[in-house]
Amino acid sequence: MSPISKPRPRADDDSMDTTTNLNDGGEPRLLRRSVQGRMVAGVAAGLADYFEVDVTLVRIVLVALAFLGGLAVPLYVAAWLLIPEDGAEAAIADGLVNQVRYH
């Protein structure tokens, strides 16, 4: 006798669980640099909030990446430029691009 497996939900099936990408208000979660709990630019705190993990874990991973080839430094700078801060409508890079475009 073979075990009966559950059918996988189709992409258009309403029973699919989509709560992983939503916050409590039913809106999509946005990746933002945190204003509270930041040590430098709020990147680690923002990533921790988005992925719902402890900020210490994110900081440990960033430090480990910095020591293992220095990958964390350009990633952190890129995240600082590309991820908008809490309460801001645009990222720092958006402002830089607009300055270059209109001057």
Foldseek 3Di string as FASTA:
>chain_A
DDDDDDDDDDPPDPPDDPCLQADPVRHGDAQAQEPPPDDPQRNLVSVCVSNVHDSVVSVVVLVVVCVVPHPSVVVVVCCQQAHHHVPDPGGNVVVVVVVVVVD
